[in-house]
């Protein structure tokens, strides 16, 4: 899958570039609709809708490409060595967005980062509204014009930072086993608080000075 940090970065760059190239045919469709000589409102709305979707996806792919290039330029030699070591022992992956290693959660998007299990103090389930081409084919309960309400996981760090990850199901490196994010994190950090309960909110405020 990933031999080291360098191969991971290269694969992410290729993915975002391919995403951009795959959008180009949509420009042809938009152009064809714009040339149709008709007063029907359909031929006014369709180019507008397609154009809007095109701009959103293009902007997203360019943003992710710029972020990964920027991170790669600024990463230290020590961090690169650490990631090389971690990527040699991948436990599980999820949706091409998150990699679980022995000591870290490596998040690939929207911003590349790696998170130590021991720094996570609370995790809880949440949802997020996502625009994705695949959503037109999905089986999620909410699916309106490509928008879908998908399950996500919030993790709260001991410094108060909160990250929302697109993690639902995780599979082992060889795809032989299935895990949940909760199962992985609890196995690595048994003291983590689970769920946004009143009790956990009080613990977070008293122990860490974090209000959630």
N, C-alpha and C. Protein backbone atom coordinates (compact mmCIF):
# COMPACT_ATOMS: atom_id res chain seq x y z
N UNK A 1 0.83 -1.20 0.00
CA UNK A 1 0.00 0.00 0.00
C UNK A 1 0.87 1.26 0.00
N UNK A 2 1.53 1.54 1.12
CA UNK A 2 2.45 2.67 1.21
C UNK A 2 3.77 2.15 1.78
N UNK A 3 4.83 2.27 1.03
CA UNK A 3 6.12 1.81 1.52
C UNK A 3 6.70 2.78 2.54
N UNK A 4 6.46 4.07 2.31
CA UNK A 4 6.99 5.10 3.18
C UNK A 4 6.24 6.40 2.96
N UNK A 5 6.66 7.43 3.66
CA UNK A 5 6.00 8.74 3.56
C UNK A 5 6.06 9.29 2.14
N UNK A 6 7.19 9.13 1.47
CA UNK A 6 7.33 9.68 0.12
C UNK A 6 6.34 9.05 -0.86
N UNK A 7 6.16 7.72 -0.77
CA UNK A 7 5.21 7.05 -1.66
C UNK A 7 3.78 7.47 -1.36
N UNK A 8 3.49 7.71 -0.07
CA UNK A 8 2.15 8.16 0.33
C UNK A 8 1.85 9.52 -0.28
N UNK A 9 2.79 10.46 -0.17
CA UNK A 9 2.60 11.80 -0.70
C UNK A 9 2.44 11.76 -2.22
N UNK A 10 3.26 10.97 -2.90
CA UNK A 10 3.16 10.87 -4.35
C UNK A 10 1.81 10.33 -4.78
N UNK A 11 1.31 9.34 -4.04
CA UNK A 11 0.01 8.76 -4.39
C UNK A 11 -1.10 9.78 -4.19
N UNK A 12 -1.03 10.57 -3.13
CA UNK A 12 -2.04 11.60 -2.88
C UNK A 12 -2.02 12.66 -3.97
N UNK A 13 -0.82 13.07 -4.39
CA UNK A 13 -0.71 14.06 -5.47
C UNK A 13 -1.35 13.54 -6.75
N UNK A 14 -1.02 12.29 -7.09
CA UNK A 14 -1.60 11.70 -8.31
C UNK A 14 -3.11 11.64 -8.23
N UNK A 15 -3.62 11.29 -7.06
CA UNK A 15 -5.07 11.17 -6.89
C UNK A 15 -5.76 12.50 -7.14
N UNK A 16 -5.24 13.58 -6.56
CA UNK A 16 -5.88 14.88 -6.71
C UNK A 16 -5.75 15.40 -8.14
N UNK A 17 -4.63 15.11 -8.80
CA UNK A 17 -4.45 15.53 -10.19
C UNK A 17 -5.44 14.77 -11.09
N UNK A 18 -5.59 13.47 -10.85
CA UNK A 18 -6.55 12.67 -11.62
C UNK A 18 -7.97 13.17 -11.39
N UNK A 19 -8.29 13.52 -10.14
CA UNK A 19 -9.62 14.08 -9.83
C UNK A 19 -9.89 15.31 -10.68
N UNK A 20 -8.88 16.17 -10.82
CA UNK A 20 -9.04 17.39 -11.61
C UNK A 20 -9.23 17.05 -13.09
N UNK A 21 -8.42 16.12 -13.62
CA UNK A 21 -8.51 15.75 -15.03
C UNK A 21 -9.86 15.11 -15.36
N UNK A 22 -10.40 14.33 -14.41
CA UNK A 22 -11.69 13.68 -14.64
C UNK A 22 -12.84 14.69 -14.72
N UNK A 23 -12.61 15.88 -14.19
CA UNK A 23 -13.65 16.91 -14.24
C UNK A 23 -13.71 17.61 -15.59
N UNK A 24 -12.64 17.55 -16.36
CA UNK A 24 -12.58 18.29 -17.62
C UNK A 24 -13.70 17.94 -18.61
N UNK A 25 -14.10 16.65 -18.73
CA UNK A 25 -15.21 16.35 -19.64
C UNK A 25 -16.50 17.10 -19.29
N UNK A 26 -16.65 17.44 -18.00
CA UNK A 26 -17.84 18.18 -17.60
C UNK A 26 -17.88 19.56 -18.27
N UNK A 27 -16.70 20.13 -18.53
CA UNK A 27 -16.65 21.41 -19.23
C UNK A 27 -17.24 21.31 -20.62
N UNK A 28 -16.98 20.18 -21.28
CA UNK A 28 -17.53 19.96 -22.62
C UNK A 28 -19.05 19.89 -22.57
N UNK A 29 -19.57 19.17 -21.56
CA UNK A 29 -21.02 19.06 -21.41
C UNK A 29 -21.64 20.43 -21.15
N UNK A 30 -21.01 21.21 -20.29
CA UNK A 30 -21.51 22.55 -19.99
C UNK A 30 -21.51 23.41 -21.26
N UNK A 31 -20.44 23.31 -22.04
CA UNK A 31 -20.34 24.08 -23.29
C UNK A 31 -21.43 23.68 -24.27
N UNK A 32 -21.70 22.37 -24.38
CA UNK A 32 -22.73 21.89 -25.30
C UNK A 32 -24.11 22.40 -24.91
N UNK A 33 -24.40 22.37 -23.61
CA UNK A 33 -25.69 22.87 -23.15
C UNK A 33 -25.81 24.37 -23.40
N UNK A 34 -24.71 25.08 -23.26
CA UNK A 34 -24.75 26.54 -23.46
C UNK A 34 -25.00 26.90 -24.92
N UNK A 35 -24.73 25.96 -25.84
CA UNK A 35 -24.91 26.21 -27.27
C UNK A 35 -26.31 25.85 -27.76
N UNK A 36 -27.08 25.21 -26.91
CA UNK A 36 -28.44 24.81 -27.31
C UNK A 36 -29.32 26.05 -27.41
N UNK A 37 -29.94 26.23 -28.55
CA UNK A 37 -30.78 27.40 -28.79
C UNK A 37 -32.21 27.07 -28.38
N UNK A 38 -32.51 27.28 -27.13
CA UNK A 38 -33.85 26.96 -26.61
C UNK A 38 -34.19 27.90 -25.46
N UNK A 39 -35.48 28.17 -25.36
CA UNK A 39 -35.94 29.03 -24.28
C UNK A 39 -36.34 28.25 -23.05
N UNK A 40 -36.25 26.92 -23.16
CA UNK A 40 -36.64 26.08 -22.03
C UNK A 40 -35.75 26.35 -20.84
N UNK A 41 -36.34 26.46 -19.68
CA UNK A 41 -35.58 26.79 -18.47
C UNK A 41 -34.56 25.70 -18.15
N UNK A 42 -34.85 24.46 -18.63
CA UNK A 42 -33.92 23.36 -18.38
C UNK A 42 -32.54 23.67 -18.91
N UNK A 43 -32.49 24.29 -20.08
CA UNK A 43 -31.21 24.55 -20.71
C UNK A 43 -30.52 25.79 -20.13
N UNK A 44 -31.19 26.43 -19.21
CA UNK A 44 -30.57 27.51 -18.46
C UNK A 44 -30.03 26.99 -17.14
N UNK A 45 -30.84 26.15 -16.51
CA UNK A 45 -30.48 25.62 -15.20
C UNK A 45 -29.37 24.58 -15.26
N UNK A 46 -29.42 23.69 -16.25
CA UNK A 46 -28.45 22.60 -16.32
C UNK A 46 -27.01 23.10 -16.39
N UNK A 47 -26.69 24.04 -17.34
CA UNK A 47 -25.30 24.54 -17.35
C UNK A 47 -24.91 25.20 -16.04
N UNK A 48 -25.87 25.91 -15.43
CA UNK A 48 -25.57 26.58 -14.15
C UNK A 48 -25.27 25.56 -13.06
N UNK A 49 -26.10 24.52 -12.98
CA UNK A 49 -25.91 23.49 -11.94
C UNK A 49 -24.60 22.74 -12.17
N UNK A 50 -24.38 22.31 -13.45
CA UNK A 50 -23.16 21.58 -13.76
C UNK A 50 -21.93 22.46 -13.54
N UNK A 51 -22.03 23.73 -13.91
CA UNK A 51 -20.91 24.64 -13.71
C UNK A 51 -20.58 24.84 -12.25
N UNK A 52 -21.62 24.92 -11.43
CA UNK A 52 -21.41 25.09 -9.99
C UNK A 52 -20.74 23.86 -9.39
N UNK A 53 -21.24 22.67 -9.77
CA UNK A 53 -20.64 21.43 -9.28
C UNK A 53 -19.19 21.32 -9.73
N UNK A 54 -18.94 21.68 -10.99
CA UNK A 54 -17.57 21.63 -11.52
C UNK A 54 -16.64 22.52 -10.72
N UNK A 55 -17.06 23.75 -10.45
CA UNK A 55 -16.22 24.69 -9.70
C UNK A 55 -15.95 24.19 -8.29
N UNK A 56 -16.97 23.59 -7.65
CA UNK A 56 -16.81 23.08 -6.29
C UNK A 56 -15.77 21.96 -6.25
N UNK A 57 -15.90 21.01 -7.18
CA UNK A 57 -14.97 19.88 -7.19
C UNK A 57 -13.58 20.31 -7.60
N UNK A 58 -13.49 21.23 -8.56
CA UNK A 58 -12.18 21.71 -8.99
C UNK A 58 -11.47 22.43 -7.84
N UNK A 59 -12.23 23.28 -7.15
CA UNK A 59 -11.66 24.02 -6.02
C UNK A 59 -11.22 23.06 -4.91
N UNK A 60 -12.04 22.04 -4.66
CA UNK A 60 -11.69 21.07 -3.60
C UNK A 60 -10.42 20.31 -3.95
N UNK A 61 -10.34 19.83 -5.19
CA UNK A 61 -9.17 19.06 -5.60
C UNK A 61 -7.91 19.91 -5.59
N UNK A 62 -8.01 21.15 -6.07
CA UNK A 62 -6.86 22.05 -6.07
C UNK A 62 -6.42 22.37 -4.65
N UNK A 63 -7.42 22.57 -3.76
CA UNK A 63 -7.12 22.88 -2.35
C UNK A 63 -6.35 21.72 -1.71
N UNK A 64 -6.83 20.49 -1.93
CA UNK A 64 -6.17 19.33 -1.35
C UNK A 64 -4.77 19.15 -1.92
N UNK A 65 -4.62 19.41 -3.22
CA UNK A 65 -3.31 19.28 -3.86
C UNK A 65 -2.32 20.30 -3.28
N UNK A 66 -2.79 21.54 -3.12
CA UNK A 66 -1.93 22.59 -2.56
C UNK A 66 -1.56 22.27 -1.12
N UNK A 67 -2.52 21.76 -0.34
CA UNK A 67 -2.26 21.44 1.07
C UNK A 67 -1.21 20.34 1.20
N UNK A 68 -1.33 19.29 0.37
CA UNK A 68 -0.39 18.18 0.49
C UNK A 68 1.00 18.60 0.03
N UNK A 69 1.09 19.46 -0.99
CA UNK A 69 2.39 19.95 -1.45
C UNK A 69 3.01 20.85 -0.38
N UNK A 70 2.18 21.70 0.22
CA UNK A 70 2.65 22.60 1.26
C UNK A 70 3.18 21.83 2.46
N UNK A 71 2.44 20.81 2.88
CA UNK A 71 2.87 20.01 4.03
C UNK A 71 4.19 19.31 3.72
N UNK A 72 4.28 18.77 2.51
CA UNK A 72 5.48 18.03 2.13
C UNK A 72 6.72 18.93 2.16
N UNK A 73 6.55 20.21 1.81
CA UNK A 73 7.68 21.14 1.81
C UNK A 73 8.13 21.50 3.22
N UNK A 74 7.17 21.51 4.14
CA UNK A 74 7.46 22.00 5.49
C UNK A 74 7.76 20.90 6.51
N UNK A 75 7.56 19.64 6.14
CA UNK A 75 7.76 18.56 7.10
C UNK A 75 9.25 18.42 7.42
N UNK A 76 9.53 18.14 8.67
CA UNK A 76 10.92 18.00 9.10
C UNK A 76 11.44 16.60 8.80
N UNK A 77 12.76 16.47 8.79
CA UNK A 77 13.38 15.17 8.54
C UNK A 77 12.98 14.17 9.63
N UNK A 78 12.89 14.66 10.88
CA UNK A 78 12.49 13.79 12.00
C UNK A 78 11.08 13.25 11.79
N UNK A 79 10.16 14.13 11.38
CA UNK A 79 8.78 13.70 11.16
C UNK A 79 8.68 12.70 10.01
N UNK A 80 9.47 12.93 8.97
CA UNK A 80 9.45 12.02 7.83
C UNK A 80 9.95 10.63 8.24
N UNK A 81 10.99 10.60 9.06
CA UNK A 81 11.51 9.32 9.55
C UNK A 81 10.46 8.61 10.41
N UNK A 82 9.78 9.38 11.25
CA UNK A 82 8.75 8.82 12.11
C UNK A 82 7.63 8.20 11.27
N UNK A 83 7.19 8.93 10.25
CA UNK A 83 6.11 8.43 9.39
C UNK A 83 6.54 7.22 8.59
N UNK A 84 7.78 7.20 8.14
CA UNK A 84 8.31 6.03 7.43
C UNK A 84 8.20 4.79 8.31
N UNK A 85 8.57 4.96 9.57
CA UNK A 85 8.53 3.84 10.52
C UNK A 85 7.09 3.40 10.77
N UNK A 86 6.17 4.38 10.94
CA UNK A 86 4.78 4.05 11.21
C UNK A 86 4.11 3.36 10.02
N UNK A 87 4.43 3.82 8.82
CA UNK A 87 3.81 3.26 7.62
C UNK A 87 4.30 1.86 7.30
N UNK A 88 5.33 1.43 7.99
CA UNK A 88 5.80 0.05 7.82
C UNK A 88 4.95 -0.92 8.64
N UNK A 89 4.05 -0.36 9.46
CA UNK A 89 3.19 -1.21 10.30
C UNK A 89 1.78 -0.63 10.32
N UNK A 90 1.10 -0.71 9.19
CA UNK A 90 -0.27 -0.21 9.08
C UNK A 90 -1.24 -1.24 9.65
N UNK A 91 -2.10 -0.79 10.58
CA UNK A 91 -3.08 -1.68 11.19
C UNK A 91 -4.35 -1.77 10.38
N UNK A 92 -4.84 -0.59 9.94
CA UNK A 92 -6.11 -0.55 9.21
C UNK A 92 -6.20 0.75 8.42
N UNK A 93 -7.13 0.78 7.48
CA UNK A 93 -7.38 1.98 6.69
C UNK A 93 -8.88 2.20 6.59
N UNK A 94 -9.27 3.42 6.21
CA UNK A 94 -10.68 3.73 6.08
C UNK A 94 -10.92 4.70 4.94
N UNK A 95 -11.63 4.24 3.91
CA UNK A 95 -12.12 5.08 2.81
C UNK A 95 -11.03 5.89 2.13
N UNK A 96 -9.78 5.47 2.22
CA UNK A 96 -8.72 6.22 1.60
C UNK A 96 -8.45 7.57 2.22
N UNK A 97 -9.06 7.82 3.39
CA UNK A 97 -8.92 9.11 4.06
C UNK A 97 -8.07 9.03 5.32
N UNK A 98 -8.07 7.88 5.96
CA UNK A 98 -7.39 7.73 7.25
C UNK A 98 -6.61 6.41 7.27
N UNK A 99 -5.41 6.49 7.82
CA UNK A 99 -4.58 5.30 8.00
C UNK A 99 -4.29 5.14 9.50
N UNK A 100 -4.52 3.95 10.01
CA UNK A 100 -4.24 3.66 11.42
C UNK A 100 -2.96 2.85 11.52
N UNK A 101 -1.97 3.41 12.20
CA UNK A 101 -0.71 2.70 12.40
C UNK A 101 -0.59 2.28 13.86
N UNK A 102 0.56 1.80 14.24
CA UNK A 102 0.76 1.31 15.60
C UNK A 102 0.58 2.41 16.65
N UNK A 103 1.03 3.63 16.33
CA UNK A 103 1.00 4.70 17.33
C UNK A 103 0.23 5.95 16.91
N UNK A 104 -0.17 6.01 15.64
CA UNK A 104 -0.78 7.24 15.14
C UNK A 104 -1.98 6.99 14.23
N UNK A 105 -2.84 8.01 14.19
CA UNK A 105 -3.89 8.10 13.18
C UNK A 105 -3.36 9.09 12.14
N UNK A 106 -3.15 8.64 10.92
CA UNK A 106 -2.66 9.52 9.86
C UNK A 106 -3.84 9.94 9.01
N UNK A 107 -4.14 11.23 9.02
CA UNK A 107 -5.28 11.79 8.29
C UNK A 107 -4.78 12.35 6.96
N UNK A 108 -5.36 11.90 5.86
CA UNK A 108 -4.91 12.32 4.54
C UNK A 108 -5.63 13.56 4.03
N UNK A 109 -6.88 13.76 4.42
CA UNK A 109 -7.61 14.95 3.99
C UNK A 109 -8.70 15.28 5.00
N UNK A 110 -9.16 16.54 5.06
CA UNK A 110 -8.83 17.65 4.15
C UNK A 110 -7.44 18.24 4.38
N UNK A 111 -6.84 17.99 5.56
CA UNK A 111 -5.48 18.46 5.81
C UNK A 111 -4.65 17.30 6.31
N UNK A 112 -3.49 17.09 5.70
CA UNK A 112 -2.62 15.99 6.11
C UNK A 112 -2.09 16.26 7.51
N UNK A 113 -2.26 15.27 8.38
CA UNK A 113 -1.73 15.39 9.75
C UNK A 113 -1.62 14.00 10.35
N UNK A 114 -0.86 13.88 11.41
CA UNK A 114 -0.83 12.61 12.13
C UNK A 114 -1.07 12.89 13.61
N UNK A 115 -1.86 12.02 14.21
CA UNK A 115 -2.37 12.24 15.57
C UNK A 115 -2.00 11.04 16.44
N UNK A 116 -1.40 11.32 17.56
CA UNK A 116 -1.02 10.25 18.48
C UNK A 116 -2.24 9.76 19.26
N UNK A 117 -2.39 8.46 19.37
CA UNK A 117 -3.52 7.91 20.12
C UNK A 117 -3.53 8.42 21.56
N UNK A 118 -2.35 8.55 22.15
CA UNK A 118 -2.27 8.92 23.57
C UNK A 118 -2.71 10.37 23.83
N UNK A 119 -2.78 11.18 22.77
CA UNK A 119 -3.20 12.58 22.93
C UNK A 119 -4.71 12.76 22.76
N UNK A 120 -5.42 11.68 22.40
CA UNK A 120 -6.87 11.75 22.24
C UNK A 120 -7.53 11.52 23.59
N UNK A 121 -8.41 12.43 23.99
CA UNK A 121 -9.06 12.30 25.30
C UNK A 121 -10.55 11.99 25.19
N UNK A 122 -11.14 12.28 24.04
CA UNK A 122 -12.58 12.03 23.87
C UNK A 122 -12.88 11.77 22.41
N UNK A 123 -13.80 10.86 22.15
CA UNK A 123 -14.28 10.63 20.80
C UNK A 123 -15.79 10.41 20.84
N UNK A 124 -16.47 10.95 19.84
CA UNK A 124 -17.92 10.76 19.77
C UNK A 124 -18.38 10.78 18.32
N UNK A 125 -19.54 10.17 18.08
CA UNK A 125 -20.09 10.09 16.73
C UNK A 125 -20.79 11.39 16.36
N UNK A 126 -20.69 11.75 15.09
CA UNK A 126 -21.40 12.92 14.59
C UNK A 126 -21.71 12.68 13.11
N UNK A 127 -22.19 13.71 12.43
CA UNK A 127 -22.47 13.59 11.00
C UNK A 127 -21.92 14.81 10.29
N UNK A 128 -21.80 14.71 8.99
CA UNK A 128 -21.34 15.83 8.19
C UNK A 128 -21.97 15.80 6.81
N UNK A 129 -22.23 16.97 6.25
CA UNK A 129 -22.81 17.07 4.92
C UNK A 129 -21.68 17.09 3.90
N UNK A 130 -21.72 16.17 2.96
CA UNK A 130 -20.63 15.99 2.01
C UNK A 130 -21.17 16.03 0.58
N UNK A 131 -20.41 16.67 -0.31
CA UNK A 131 -20.71 16.65 -1.74
C UNK A 131 -19.72 15.73 -2.42
N UNK A 132 -20.23 14.70 -3.08
CA UNK A 132 -19.33 13.74 -3.69
C UNK A 132 -20.01 13.13 -4.91
N UNK A 133 -19.20 12.89 -5.96
CA UNK A 133 -19.75 12.26 -7.16
C UNK A 133 -20.39 10.92 -6.83
N UNK A 134 -19.74 10.18 -5.93
CA UNK A 134 -20.23 8.85 -5.57
C UNK A 134 -21.58 8.91 -4.88
N UNK A 135 -21.95 10.07 -4.34
CA UNK A 135 -23.19 10.16 -3.59
C UNK A 135 -24.41 9.92 -4.46
N UNK A 136 -24.28 10.13 -5.79
CA UNK A 136 -25.40 9.89 -6.68
C UNK A 136 -25.73 8.40 -6.75
N UNK A 137 -24.76 7.56 -6.38
CA UNK A 137 -24.95 6.12 -6.42
C UNK A 137 -25.08 5.53 -5.02
N UNK A 138 -25.08 6.38 -4.01
CA UNK A 138 -24.96 5.88 -2.64
C UNK A 138 -26.29 5.40 -2.07
N UNK A 139 -26.21 4.78 -0.91
CA UNK A 139 -27.40 4.28 -0.24
C UNK A 139 -27.65 4.99 1.08
N UNK A 140 -27.05 6.17 1.26
CA UNK A 140 -27.26 6.91 2.49
C UNK A 140 -28.69 7.44 2.53
N UNK A 141 -29.17 7.73 3.72
CA UNK A 141 -30.56 8.15 3.88
C UNK A 141 -30.82 9.53 3.28
N UNK A 142 -29.82 10.39 3.28
CA UNK A 142 -30.02 11.73 2.73
C UNK A 142 -29.17 11.88 1.48
N UNK A 143 -29.81 12.13 0.35
CA UNK A 143 -29.10 12.21 -0.91
C UNK A 143 -29.82 13.19 -1.82
N UNK A 144 -29.44 14.46 -1.76
CA UNK A 144 -30.11 15.50 -2.53
C UNK A 144 -29.10 16.17 -3.45
N UNK A 145 -29.24 15.93 -4.76
CA UNK A 145 -28.36 16.56 -5.75
C UNK A 145 -26.87 16.33 -5.44
N UNK A 146 -26.55 15.14 -4.95
CA UNK A 146 -25.15 14.85 -4.68
C UNK A 146 -24.70 15.17 -3.28
N UNK A 147 -25.54 15.82 -2.48
CA UNK A 147 -25.19 16.07 -1.08
C UNK A 147 -25.69 14.89 -0.26
N UNK A 148 -24.88 14.49 0.70
CA UNK A 148 -25.30 13.40 1.56
C UNK A 148 -24.85 13.64 2.99
N UNK A 149 -25.68 13.20 3.91
CA UNK A 149 -25.36 13.30 5.33
C UNK A 149 -24.68 12.01 5.73
N UNK A 150 -23.39 12.08 6.04
CA UNK A 150 -22.62 10.87 6.29
C UNK A 150 -22.12 10.81 7.73
N UNK A 151 -21.92 9.60 8.25
CA UNK A 151 -21.38 9.46 9.61
C UNK A 151 -19.93 9.89 9.68
N UNK A 152 -19.59 10.59 10.74
CA UNK A 152 -18.21 11.00 10.98
C UNK A 152 -17.87 10.78 12.45
N UNK A 153 -16.60 10.86 12.75
CA UNK A 153 -16.11 10.71 14.11
C UNK A 153 -15.40 11.99 14.53
N UNK A 154 -15.79 12.51 15.69
CA UNK A 154 -15.08 13.67 16.25
C UNK A 154 -14.09 13.17 17.30
N UNK A 155 -12.88 13.68 17.25
CA UNK A 155 -11.91 13.36 18.29
C UNK A 155 -11.43 14.66 18.90
N UNK A 156 -11.37 14.67 20.22
CA UNK A 156 -10.92 15.85 20.96
C UNK A 156 -9.56 15.55 21.57
N UNK A 157 -8.61 16.45 21.32
CA UNK A 157 -7.25 16.25 21.79
C UNK A 157 -7.06 16.88 23.18
N UNK A 158 -5.98 16.50 23.84
CA UNK A 158 -5.74 17.03 25.19
C UNK A 158 -5.40 18.51 25.20
N UNK A 159 -5.14 19.10 24.02
CA UNK A 159 -4.90 20.54 23.94
C UNK A 159 -6.16 21.31 23.51
N UNK A 160 -7.29 20.60 23.40
CA UNK A 160 -8.55 21.25 23.07
C UNK A 160 -8.90 21.24 21.59
N UNK A 161 -7.98 20.83 20.74
CA UNK A 161 -8.27 20.79 19.31
C UNK A 161 -9.27 19.68 19.02
N UNK A 162 -10.17 19.96 18.07
CA UNK A 162 -11.19 18.98 17.69
C UNK A 162 -11.06 18.68 16.20
N UNK A 163 -11.01 17.40 15.87
CA UNK A 163 -10.93 16.98 14.47
C UNK A 163 -12.13 16.12 14.13
N UNK A 164 -12.72 16.37 12.97
CA UNK A 164 -13.84 15.57 12.49
C UNK A 164 -13.33 14.72 11.33
N UNK A 165 -13.36 13.41 11.52
CA UNK A 165 -12.82 12.50 10.52
C UNK A 165 -13.92 11.75 9.79
N UNK A 166 -13.67 11.53 8.50
CA UNK A 166 -14.62 10.76 7.71
C UNK A 166 -14.40 9.28 7.89
N UNK A 167 -14.56 8.82 9.10
CA UNK A 167 -14.29 7.42 9.43
C UNK A 167 -15.59 6.73 9.82
N UNK A 168 -15.90 5.68 9.13
CA UNK A 168 -17.05 4.87 9.50
C UNK A 168 -16.57 3.46 9.77
N UNK A 169 -16.27 2.73 8.71
CA UNK A 169 -15.74 1.38 8.86
C UNK A 169 -14.27 1.35 8.45
N UNK A 170 -13.49 0.57 9.17
CA UNK A 170 -12.07 0.44 8.88
C UNK A 170 -11.79 -1.03 8.59
N UNK A 171 -10.88 -1.26 7.66
CA UNK A 171 -10.48 -2.63 7.38
C UNK A 171 -8.99 -2.79 7.61
N UNK A 172 -8.60 -3.99 8.00
CA UNK A 172 -7.19 -4.26 8.24
C UNK A 172 -6.41 -4.12 6.94
N UNK A 173 -5.11 -4.04 7.06
CA UNK A 173 -4.24 -3.83 5.91
C UNK A 173 -4.47 -4.87 4.82
N UNK A 174 -4.73 -6.11 5.22
CA UNK A 174 -4.95 -7.18 4.23
C UNK A 174 -6.43 -7.41 3.95
N UNK A 175 -7.30 -6.50 4.48
CA UNK A 175 -8.76 -6.54 4.25
C UNK A 175 -9.43 -7.78 4.82
N UNK A 176 -8.76 -8.48 5.73
CA UNK A 176 -9.33 -9.71 6.28
C UNK A 176 -10.23 -9.44 7.48
N UNK A 177 -10.08 -8.27 8.10
CA UNK A 177 -10.89 -7.95 9.28
C UNK A 177 -11.48 -6.56 9.17
N UNK A 178 -12.59 -6.36 9.86
CA UNK A 178 -13.24 -5.07 9.88
C UNK A 178 -13.25 -4.51 11.30
N UNK A 179 -13.01 -3.20 11.43
CA UNK A 179 -12.97 -2.56 12.74
C UNK A 179 -13.80 -1.28 12.70
N UNK A 180 -14.08 -0.78 13.89
CA UNK A 180 -14.61 0.57 14.00
C UNK A 180 -13.49 1.44 14.57
N UNK A 181 -13.60 2.73 14.35
CA UNK A 181 -12.59 3.65 14.90
C UNK A 181 -12.52 3.50 16.41
N UNK A 182 -13.67 3.35 17.03
CA UNK A 182 -13.72 3.23 18.49
C UNK A 182 -12.93 2.02 18.97
N UNK A 183 -13.08 0.91 18.27
CA UNK A 183 -12.37 -0.31 18.67
C UNK A 183 -10.86 -0.11 18.60
N UNK A 184 -10.41 0.56 17.56
CA UNK A 184 -8.97 0.78 17.40
C UNK A 184 -8.43 1.72 18.48
N UNK A 185 -9.13 2.84 18.68
CA UNK A 185 -8.62 3.84 19.63
C UNK A 185 -8.64 3.32 21.06
N UNK A 186 -9.68 2.56 21.43
CA UNK A 186 -9.76 2.02 22.79
C UNK A 186 -8.65 1.00 23.03
N UNK A 187 -8.33 0.23 22.00
CA UNK A 187 -7.26 -0.75 22.15
C UNK A 187 -5.90 -0.07 22.34
N UNK A 188 -5.76 1.15 21.79
CA UNK A 188 -4.50 1.88 21.89
C UNK A 188 -4.49 2.87 23.06
N UNK A 189 -5.66 3.30 23.48
CA UNK A 189 -5.76 4.27 24.57
C UNK A 189 -7.01 3.98 25.40
N UNK A 190 -6.93 3.02 26.32
CA UNK A 190 -8.10 2.60 27.11
C UNK A 190 -8.73 3.70 27.95
N UNK A 191 -7.99 4.78 28.22
CA UNK A 191 -8.51 5.84 29.08
C UNK A 191 -9.34 6.88 28.33
N UNK A 192 -9.47 6.75 27.01
CA UNK A 192 -10.20 7.73 26.24
C UNK A 192 -11.68 7.71 26.63
N UNK A 193 -12.30 8.90 26.66
CA UNK A 193 -13.72 9.01 26.97
C UNK A 193 -14.53 8.77 25.71
N UNK A 194 -15.63 8.03 25.84
CA UNK A 194 -16.45 7.66 24.69
C UNK A 194 -17.83 8.30 24.78
N UNK A 195 -18.17 9.10 23.80
CA UNK A 195 -19.51 9.70 23.76
C UNK A 195 -19.57 11.09 24.37
N UNK A 196 -20.41 11.93 23.79
CA UNK A 196 -20.56 13.31 24.25
C UNK A 196 -21.66 13.36 25.32
N UNK A 197 -21.42 12.66 26.41
CA UNK A 197 -22.39 12.59 27.49
C UNK A 197 -22.18 13.74 28.47
N UNK A 198 -23.18 13.96 29.34
CA UNK A 198 -23.06 15.01 30.36
C UNK A 198 -21.90 14.72 31.28
N UNK A 199 -21.75 13.45 31.66
CA UNK A 199 -20.65 13.04 32.54
C UNK A 199 -19.30 13.33 31.89
N UNK A 200 -19.16 12.97 30.63
CA UNK A 200 -17.89 13.19 29.93
C UNK A 200 -17.61 14.67 29.72
N UNK A 201 -18.64 15.45 29.49
CA UNK A 201 -18.47 16.90 29.36
C UNK A 201 -17.90 17.49 30.65
N UNK A 202 -18.44 17.01 31.78
CA UNK A 202 -17.96 17.49 33.09
C UNK A 202 -16.50 17.08 33.32
N UNK A 203 -16.16 15.85 32.94
CA UNK A 203 -14.78 15.38 33.10
C UNK A 203 -13.83 16.21 32.24
N UNK A 204 -14.25 16.49 31.01
CA UNK A 204 -13.42 17.27 30.10
C UNK A 204 -13.15 18.66 30.66
N UNK A 205 -14.17 19.26 31.26
CA UNK A 205 -14.02 20.60 31.81
C UNK A 205 -13.16 20.61 33.06
N UNK A 206 -13.39 19.63 33.95
CA UNK A 206 -12.66 19.59 35.22
C UNK A 206 -11.21 19.11 35.05
N UNK A 207 -11.02 18.08 34.24
CA UNK A 207 -9.68 17.47 34.12
C UNK A 207 -8.78 18.17 33.12
N UNK A 208 -9.40 18.63 31.99
CA UNK A 208 -8.59 19.21 30.92
C UNK A 208 -8.86 20.69 30.66
N UNK A 209 -9.90 21.21 31.32
CA UNK A 209 -10.25 22.62 31.10
C UNK A 209 -10.81 22.86 29.73
N UNK A 210 -11.43 21.84 29.14
CA UNK A 210 -11.97 21.93 27.78
C UNK A 210 -13.49 21.87 27.85
N UNK A 211 -14.13 22.86 27.25
CA UNK A 211 -15.59 22.89 27.21
C UNK A 211 -16.05 22.41 25.85
N UNK A 212 -16.93 21.42 25.87
CA UNK A 212 -17.44 20.89 24.60
C UNK A 212 -18.97 20.94 24.56
